[in-house]
């Protein structure tokens, strides 16, 4: 049986980033590809039982938006694509402009940096979400 994660219907960037961090904390982080490929797996592991893979930051954002790991976006609906793109764009901009855990870099370079940990990644996602909330409040004034 595959466990389902409720997708955000219209989602906001900060909520998506927080949910992505929570997903990584629960299911694991994979810095080298969208989702863990599980090569040489017997297909009886926790990942294959649940359908919830260790993910990269971008992979976790996809789960937060679409409710499950999603390798391809060609059949995604317009609102989902918008929410996904907005969250990835904000995270990328945040990591380049503000940086986190001692590095300013695009998301893929940032998460693959030597010594990067799951705690760095989840706290980076939460920090980007907090920065988005702060930005949204300032923009509304």
N, C-alpha and C. Protein backbone atom coordinates (compact mmCIF):
# COMPACT_ATOMS: atom_id res chain seq x y z
N UNK A 1 0.84 -1.17 0.00
CA UNK A 1 0.00 0.00 0.00
C UNK A 1 0.89 1.24 0.00
N UNK A 2 0.58 2.19 -0.80
CA UNK A 2 1.34 3.43 -0.88
C UNK A 2 0.71 4.48 0.02
N UNK A 3 1.54 5.07 0.90
CA UNK A 3 1.05 6.14 1.77
C UNK A 3 0.92 7.41 0.96
N UNK A 4 -0.15 8.12 1.14
CA UNK A 4 -0.37 9.36 0.41
C UNK A 4 -0.07 10.55 1.30
N UNK A 5 0.48 11.58 0.72
CA UNK A 5 0.67 12.85 1.41
C UNK A 5 -0.29 13.81 0.74
N UNK A 6 -1.07 14.48 1.53
CA UNK A 6 -2.05 15.40 0.96
C UNK A 6 -1.34 16.55 0.25
N UNK A 7 -1.62 16.73 -1.00
CA UNK A 7 -1.04 17.83 -1.77
C UNK A 7 -1.71 19.14 -1.39
N UNK A 8 -0.98 20.20 -1.51
CA UNK A 8 -1.55 21.51 -1.26
C UNK A 8 -2.40 21.91 -2.46
N UNK A 9 -3.65 22.28 -2.26
CA UNK A 9 -4.49 22.61 -3.41
C UNK A 9 -4.02 23.86 -4.15
N UNK A 10 -3.74 24.92 -3.45
CA UNK A 10 -3.24 26.11 -4.13
C UNK A 10 -1.91 26.53 -3.55
N UNK A 11 -1.53 26.01 -2.41
CA UNK A 11 -0.25 26.20 -1.77
C UNK A 11 0.35 27.59 -1.82
N UNK A 12 1.12 27.89 -0.84
CA UNK A 12 1.91 29.09 -0.84
C UNK A 12 3.36 28.67 -0.74
N UNK A 13 4.25 29.51 -1.19
CA UNK A 13 5.66 29.17 -1.24
C UNK A 13 6.21 28.79 0.13
N UNK A 14 5.89 29.56 1.15
CA UNK A 14 6.44 29.26 2.47
C UNK A 14 5.92 27.92 3.00
N UNK A 15 4.65 27.64 2.81
CA UNK A 15 4.10 26.37 3.26
C UNK A 15 4.72 25.20 2.51
N UNK A 16 4.93 25.35 1.23
CA UNK A 16 5.55 24.31 0.42
C UNK A 16 6.97 24.03 0.91
N UNK A 17 7.74 25.08 1.16
CA UNK A 17 9.12 24.89 1.63
C UNK A 17 9.16 24.23 3.01
N UNK A 18 8.27 24.63 3.90
CA UNK A 18 8.21 23.98 5.21
C UNK A 18 7.83 22.52 5.09
N UNK A 19 6.85 22.22 4.23
CA UNK A 19 6.45 20.82 4.04
C UNK A 19 7.54 20.00 3.38
N UNK A 20 8.31 20.61 2.50
CA UNK A 20 9.43 19.90 1.88
C UNK A 20 10.47 19.54 2.94
N UNK A 21 10.75 20.47 3.84
CA UNK A 21 11.70 20.20 4.93
C UNK A 21 11.19 19.07 5.81
N UNK A 22 9.91 19.09 6.12
CA UNK A 22 9.32 18.04 6.95
C UNK A 22 9.40 16.69 6.26
N UNK A 23 9.17 16.66 4.95
CA UNK A 23 9.28 15.41 4.19
C UNK A 23 10.69 14.86 4.29
N UNK A 24 11.69 15.71 4.10
CA UNK A 24 13.08 15.25 4.17
C UNK A 24 13.43 14.74 5.56
N UNK A 25 12.95 15.40 6.58
CA UNK A 25 13.22 14.97 7.95
C UNK A 25 12.62 13.58 8.21
N UNK A 26 11.47 13.29 7.62
CA UNK A 26 10.81 11.99 7.82
C UNK A 26 11.35 10.89 6.92
N UNK A 27 11.65 11.22 5.66
CA UNK A 27 11.93 10.17 4.68
C UNK A 27 13.36 10.16 4.16
N UNK A 28 14.15 11.14 4.54
CA UNK A 28 15.56 11.14 4.16
C UNK A 28 15.87 12.07 3.01
N UNK A 29 17.14 12.41 2.94
CA UNK A 29 17.64 13.37 1.96
C UNK A 29 18.61 12.68 1.02
N UNK A 30 18.54 13.02 -0.25
CA UNK A 30 19.43 12.48 -1.26
C UNK A 30 20.04 13.65 -2.03
N UNK A 31 21.31 13.97 -1.81
CA UNK A 31 21.89 15.17 -2.42
C UNK A 31 22.28 15.03 -3.88
N UNK A 32 22.22 13.83 -4.44
CA UNK A 32 22.79 13.64 -5.78
C UNK A 32 21.78 13.47 -6.91
N UNK A 33 20.52 13.23 -6.59
CA UNK A 33 19.52 13.10 -7.65
C UNK A 33 18.14 13.42 -7.07
N UNK A 34 17.17 13.55 -7.93
CA UNK A 34 15.82 13.93 -7.52
C UNK A 34 15.30 13.03 -6.40
N UNK A 35 15.37 11.72 -6.61
CA UNK A 35 14.98 10.73 -5.61
C UNK A 35 16.01 9.62 -5.60
N UNK A 36 16.10 8.91 -4.48
CA UNK A 36 17.03 7.80 -4.36
C UNK A 36 16.59 6.69 -5.31
N UNK A 37 17.50 6.26 -6.17
CA UNK A 37 17.14 5.27 -7.20
C UNK A 37 17.03 3.85 -6.65
N UNK A 38 17.54 3.58 -5.49
CA UNK A 38 17.49 2.25 -4.87
C UNK A 38 18.02 1.14 -5.76
N UNK A 39 19.18 1.36 -6.34
CA UNK A 39 19.80 0.32 -7.16
C UNK A 39 20.11 -0.90 -6.29
N UNK A 40 19.96 -2.07 -6.85
CA UNK A 40 20.21 -3.35 -6.17
C UNK A 40 19.28 -3.60 -4.98
N UNK A 41 18.18 -2.93 -4.93
CA UNK A 41 17.21 -3.12 -3.85
C UNK A 41 16.37 -4.37 -4.15
N UNK A 42 15.98 -5.07 -3.09
CA UNK A 42 15.14 -6.27 -3.26
C UNK A 42 13.67 -5.93 -3.41
N UNK A 43 13.34 -4.65 -3.38
CA UNK A 43 11.96 -4.15 -3.49
C UNK A 43 11.10 -4.52 -2.29
N UNK A 44 11.76 -4.85 -1.18
CA UNK A 44 11.02 -5.15 0.06
C UNK A 44 11.37 -4.13 1.15
N UNK A 45 12.05 -3.08 0.77
CA UNK A 45 12.46 -2.07 1.74
C UNK A 45 11.31 -1.13 2.08
N UNK A 46 11.52 -0.29 3.10
CA UNK A 46 10.52 0.69 3.52
C UNK A 46 10.12 1.61 2.37
N UNK A 47 11.07 1.99 1.54
CA UNK A 47 10.79 2.90 0.44
C UNK A 47 9.81 2.27 -0.54
N UNK A 48 10.03 1.03 -0.91
CA UNK A 48 9.13 0.38 -1.86
C UNK A 48 7.78 0.05 -1.22
N UNK A 49 7.75 -0.18 0.08
CA UNK A 49 6.47 -0.44 0.75
C UNK A 49 5.62 0.83 0.81
N UNK A 50 6.24 1.99 1.01
CA UNK A 50 5.49 3.23 1.18
C UNK A 50 5.41 4.09 -0.07
N UNK A 51 6.38 3.95 -0.97
CA UNK A 51 6.45 4.81 -2.15
C UNK A 51 7.03 6.18 -1.84
N UNK A 52 7.60 6.35 -0.64
CA UNK A 52 8.16 7.63 -0.22
C UNK A 52 9.68 7.53 -0.17
N UNK A 53 10.32 8.13 -1.14
CA UNK A 53 11.75 8.02 -1.34
C UNK A 53 12.53 9.13 -0.64
N UNK A 54 13.76 8.84 -0.20
CA UNK A 54 14.65 9.94 0.16
C UNK A 54 14.76 10.85 -1.08
N UNK A 55 14.76 12.15 -0.87
CA UNK A 55 14.67 13.08 -1.99
C UNK A 55 15.70 14.19 -1.86
N UNK A 56 15.93 14.85 -2.98
CA UNK A 56 16.70 16.09 -2.97
C UNK A 56 15.76 17.21 -2.50
N UNK A 57 16.30 18.40 -2.35
CA UNK A 57 15.45 19.53 -1.96
C UNK A 57 14.35 19.74 -3.00
N UNK A 58 14.71 19.68 -4.27
CA UNK A 58 13.74 19.88 -5.34
C UNK A 58 12.73 18.72 -5.38
N UNK A 59 13.21 17.51 -5.16
CA UNK A 59 12.30 16.36 -5.10
C UNK A 59 11.30 16.49 -3.97
N UNK A 60 11.77 16.97 -2.82
CA UNK A 60 10.88 17.16 -1.67
C UNK A 60 9.85 18.26 -1.95
N UNK A 61 10.25 19.29 -2.67
CA UNK A 61 9.30 20.34 -3.06
C UNK A 61 8.22 19.74 -3.97
N UNK A 62 8.62 18.85 -4.87
CA UNK A 62 7.63 18.20 -5.73
C UNK A 62 6.63 17.41 -4.90
N UNK A 63 7.11 16.69 -3.88
CA UNK A 63 6.20 15.94 -3.01
C UNK A 63 5.26 16.90 -2.28
N UNK A 64 5.80 18.00 -1.79
CA UNK A 64 4.97 18.97 -1.06
C UNK A 64 3.87 19.56 -1.95
N UNK A 65 4.15 19.72 -3.23
CA UNK A 65 3.16 20.30 -4.15
C UNK A 65 2.20 19.24 -4.69
N UNK A 66 2.74 18.10 -5.12
CA UNK A 66 1.93 17.10 -5.83
C UNK A 66 1.46 15.94 -4.97
N UNK A 67 1.94 15.85 -3.72
CA UNK A 67 1.45 14.82 -2.82
C UNK A 67 2.18 13.50 -2.87
N UNK A 68 3.12 13.35 -3.77
CA UNK A 68 3.89 12.11 -3.89
C UNK A 68 5.13 12.40 -4.72
N UNK A 69 6.13 11.50 -4.65
CA UNK A 69 7.30 11.71 -5.52
C UNK A 69 6.86 11.76 -6.98
N UNK A 70 7.44 12.67 -7.70
CA UNK A 70 7.05 12.85 -9.11
C UNK A 70 8.32 13.12 -9.91
N UNK A 71 8.66 12.16 -10.79
CA UNK A 71 9.87 12.30 -11.59
C UNK A 71 9.67 13.25 -12.77
N UNK A 72 8.47 13.26 -13.34
CA UNK A 72 8.21 14.06 -14.53
C UNK A 72 7.08 15.05 -14.26
N UNK A 73 7.15 16.19 -14.92
CA UNK A 73 6.14 17.23 -14.72
C UNK A 73 5.27 17.46 -15.95
N UNK A 74 5.42 16.64 -16.97
CA UNK A 74 4.70 16.88 -18.22
C UNK A 74 3.19 16.75 -18.11
N UNK A 75 2.69 16.07 -17.10
CA UNK A 75 1.24 15.95 -16.93
C UNK A 75 0.72 16.74 -15.72
N UNK A 76 1.56 17.57 -15.15
CA UNK A 76 1.15 18.36 -13.98
C UNK A 76 0.18 19.45 -14.40
N UNK A 77 -0.75 19.78 -13.50
CA UNK A 77 -1.71 20.84 -13.81
C UNK A 77 -1.05 22.21 -13.68
N UNK A 78 -1.67 23.21 -14.24
CA UNK A 78 -1.12 24.56 -14.28
C UNK A 78 -0.86 25.16 -12.91
N UNK A 79 -1.80 24.99 -11.96
CA UNK A 79 -1.61 25.54 -10.62
C UNK A 79 -0.46 24.84 -9.91
N UNK A 80 -0.39 23.53 -10.04
CA UNK A 80 0.71 22.79 -9.43
C UNK A 80 2.05 23.21 -9.98
N UNK A 81 2.14 23.37 -11.30
CA UNK A 81 3.39 23.83 -11.91
C UNK A 81 3.76 25.22 -11.42
N UNK A 82 2.77 26.09 -11.29
CA UNK A 82 3.02 27.44 -10.80
C UNK A 82 3.56 27.39 -9.37
N UNK A 83 2.91 26.63 -8.49
CA UNK A 83 3.33 26.53 -7.10
C UNK A 83 4.73 25.94 -6.98
N UNK A 84 4.98 24.89 -7.76
CA UNK A 84 6.30 24.24 -7.76
C UNK A 84 7.38 25.21 -8.22
N UNK A 85 7.15 25.87 -9.34
CA UNK A 85 8.13 26.80 -9.89
C UNK A 85 8.40 27.96 -8.94
N UNK A 86 7.34 28.49 -8.33
CA UNK A 86 7.51 29.60 -7.39
C UNK A 86 8.36 29.18 -6.19
N UNK A 87 8.13 27.99 -5.66
CA UNK A 87 8.89 27.52 -4.50
C UNK A 87 10.36 27.27 -4.86
N UNK A 88 10.61 26.63 -5.99
CA UNK A 88 12.00 26.37 -6.40
C UNK A 88 12.72 27.68 -6.69
N UNK A 89 12.04 28.58 -7.37
CA UNK A 89 12.64 29.89 -7.68
C UNK A 89 12.99 30.66 -6.41
N UNK A 90 12.07 30.69 -5.46
CA UNK A 90 12.33 31.41 -4.21
C UNK A 90 13.51 30.76 -3.47
N UNK A 91 13.51 29.44 -3.36
CA UNK A 91 14.60 28.74 -2.66
C UNK A 91 15.93 29.03 -3.33
N UNK A 92 15.97 28.93 -4.64
CA UNK A 92 17.21 29.17 -5.38
C UNK A 92 17.69 30.61 -5.16
N UNK A 93 16.78 31.56 -5.26
CA UNK A 93 17.14 32.97 -5.06
C UNK A 93 17.63 33.19 -3.63
N UNK A 94 16.95 32.61 -2.67
CA UNK A 94 17.35 32.74 -1.27
C UNK A 94 18.76 32.19 -1.04
N UNK A 95 19.03 31.00 -1.56
CA UNK A 95 20.34 30.38 -1.33
C UNK A 95 21.46 31.14 -2.04
N UNK A 96 21.17 31.77 -3.15
CA UNK A 96 22.19 32.56 -3.85
C UNK A 96 22.39 33.89 -3.13
N UNK A 97 21.30 34.60 -2.85
CA UNK A 97 21.39 35.95 -2.30
C UNK A 97 21.76 35.97 -0.81
N UNK A 98 21.11 35.14 -0.01
CA UNK A 98 21.32 35.15 1.43
C UNK A 98 22.27 34.06 1.88
N UNK A 99 22.23 32.93 1.20
CA UNK A 99 23.03 31.79 1.61
C UNK A 99 22.50 31.17 2.89
N UNK A 100 23.08 30.04 3.24
CA UNK A 100 22.71 29.35 4.46
C UNK A 100 23.83 28.37 4.77
N UNK A 101 24.08 28.16 6.03
CA UNK A 101 25.12 27.22 6.47
C UNK A 101 26.47 27.50 5.80
N UNK A 102 26.77 28.79 5.68
CA UNK A 102 28.09 29.19 5.21
C UNK A 102 28.33 29.18 3.72
N UNK A 103 27.29 29.10 2.91
CA UNK A 103 27.50 29.05 1.46
C UNK A 103 26.39 29.80 0.72
N UNK A 104 26.78 30.58 -0.27
CA UNK A 104 25.86 31.22 -1.21
C UNK A 104 26.02 30.47 -2.52
N UNK A 105 24.99 29.79 -2.98
CA UNK A 105 25.09 29.01 -4.21
C UNK A 105 23.69 28.60 -4.67
N UNK A 106 23.55 28.27 -5.97
CA UNK A 106 22.27 27.74 -6.45
C UNK A 106 21.93 26.43 -5.73
N UNK A 107 20.66 26.09 -5.69
CA UNK A 107 20.17 24.98 -4.89
C UNK A 107 20.94 23.67 -5.13
N UNK A 108 21.21 23.29 -6.36
CA UNK A 108 21.87 22.01 -6.61
C UNK A 108 23.32 22.03 -6.12
N UNK A 109 24.02 23.13 -6.34
CA UNK A 109 25.39 23.25 -5.83
C UNK A 109 25.39 23.34 -4.31
N UNK A 110 24.43 24.07 -3.76
CA UNK A 110 24.36 24.25 -2.33
C UNK A 110 24.16 22.93 -1.60
N UNK A 111 23.21 22.12 -2.08
CA UNK A 111 22.92 20.88 -1.37
C UNK A 111 23.99 19.81 -1.58
N UNK A 112 24.78 19.91 -2.64
CA UNK A 112 25.82 18.93 -2.92
C UNK A 112 27.18 19.33 -2.35
N UNK A 113 27.25 20.47 -1.65
CA UNK A 113 28.52 20.93 -1.09
C UNK A 113 29.06 19.92 -0.07
N UNK A 114 30.36 19.79 -0.04
CA UNK A 114 31.01 18.87 0.90
C UNK A 114 30.60 19.20 2.33
N UNK A 115 30.30 18.20 3.09
CA UNK A 115 29.94 18.38 4.48
C UNK A 115 28.50 18.75 4.75
N UNK A 116 27.69 18.90 3.71
CA UNK A 116 26.28 19.27 3.87
C UNK A 116 25.57 18.14 4.62
N UNK A 117 24.67 18.48 5.52
CA UNK A 117 23.94 17.49 6.31
C UNK A 117 22.43 17.67 6.13
N UNK A 118 21.69 16.68 6.57
CA UNK A 118 20.23 16.76 6.54
C UNK A 118 19.75 17.95 7.37
N UNK A 119 20.40 18.21 8.48
CA UNK A 119 20.01 19.35 9.32
C UNK A 119 20.22 20.66 8.57
N UNK A 120 21.34 20.78 7.84
CA UNK A 120 21.58 21.98 7.02
C UNK A 120 20.45 22.17 6.01
N UNK A 121 20.08 21.08 5.37
CA UNK A 121 19.08 21.13 4.30
C UNK A 121 17.70 21.49 4.85
N UNK A 122 17.28 20.83 5.91
CA UNK A 122 15.96 21.14 6.46
C UNK A 122 15.93 22.55 7.05
N UNK A 123 17.01 22.95 7.72
CA UNK A 123 17.01 24.31 8.28
C UNK A 123 17.09 25.35 7.16
N UNK A 124 17.75 25.03 6.04
CA UNK A 124 17.79 25.94 4.89
C UNK A 124 16.41 26.12 4.28
N UNK A 125 15.66 25.05 4.16
CA UNK A 125 14.29 25.15 3.64
C UNK A 125 13.41 25.96 4.57
N UNK A 126 13.52 25.69 5.87
CA UNK A 126 12.72 26.46 6.83
C UNK A 126 13.12 27.94 6.84
N UNK A 127 14.42 28.22 6.71
CA UNK A 127 14.88 29.62 6.69
C UNK A 127 14.36 30.33 5.44
N UNK A 128 14.36 29.64 4.31
CA UNK A 128 13.83 30.24 3.08
C UNK A 128 12.33 30.50 3.22
N UNK A 129 11.62 29.59 3.89
CA UNK A 129 10.18 29.78 4.13
C UNK A 129 9.94 30.99 5.03
N UNK A 130 10.74 31.12 6.07
CA UNK A 130 10.61 32.27 6.97
C UNK A 130 10.90 33.57 6.24
N UNK A 131 11.94 33.57 5.40
CA UNK A 131 12.27 34.76 4.62
C UNK A 131 11.12 35.12 3.67
N UNK A 132 10.46 34.10 3.10
CA UNK A 132 9.33 34.36 2.22
C UNK A 132 8.18 35.01 2.99
N UNK A 133 7.89 34.48 4.19
CA UNK A 133 6.82 35.07 5.00
C UNK A 133 7.14 36.53 5.33
N UNK A 134 8.38 36.80 5.69
CA UNK A 134 8.81 38.16 5.99
C UNK A 134 8.65 39.06 4.76
N UNK A 135 9.08 38.55 3.62
CA UNK A 135 8.96 39.30 2.36
C UNK A 135 7.49 39.58 2.01
N UNK A 136 6.65 38.57 2.18
CA UNK A 136 5.22 38.72 1.85
C UNK A 136 4.56 39.75 2.76
N UNK A 137 4.93 39.76 4.04
CA UNK A 137 4.36 40.75 4.97
C UNK A 137 4.82 42.16 4.59
N UNK A 138 6.09 42.30 4.25
CA UNK A 138 6.61 43.62 3.87
C UNK A 138 5.98 44.09 2.57
N UNK A 139 5.76 43.19 1.64
CA UNK A 139 5.16 43.56 0.36
C UNK A 139 3.70 43.97 0.51
N UNK A 140 3.04 43.42 1.52
CA UNK A 140 1.62 43.72 1.72
C UNK A 140 1.40 45.09 2.35
N UNK A 141 2.45 45.64 2.93
CA UNK A 141 2.31 46.94 3.62
C UNK A 141 2.34 48.08 2.64
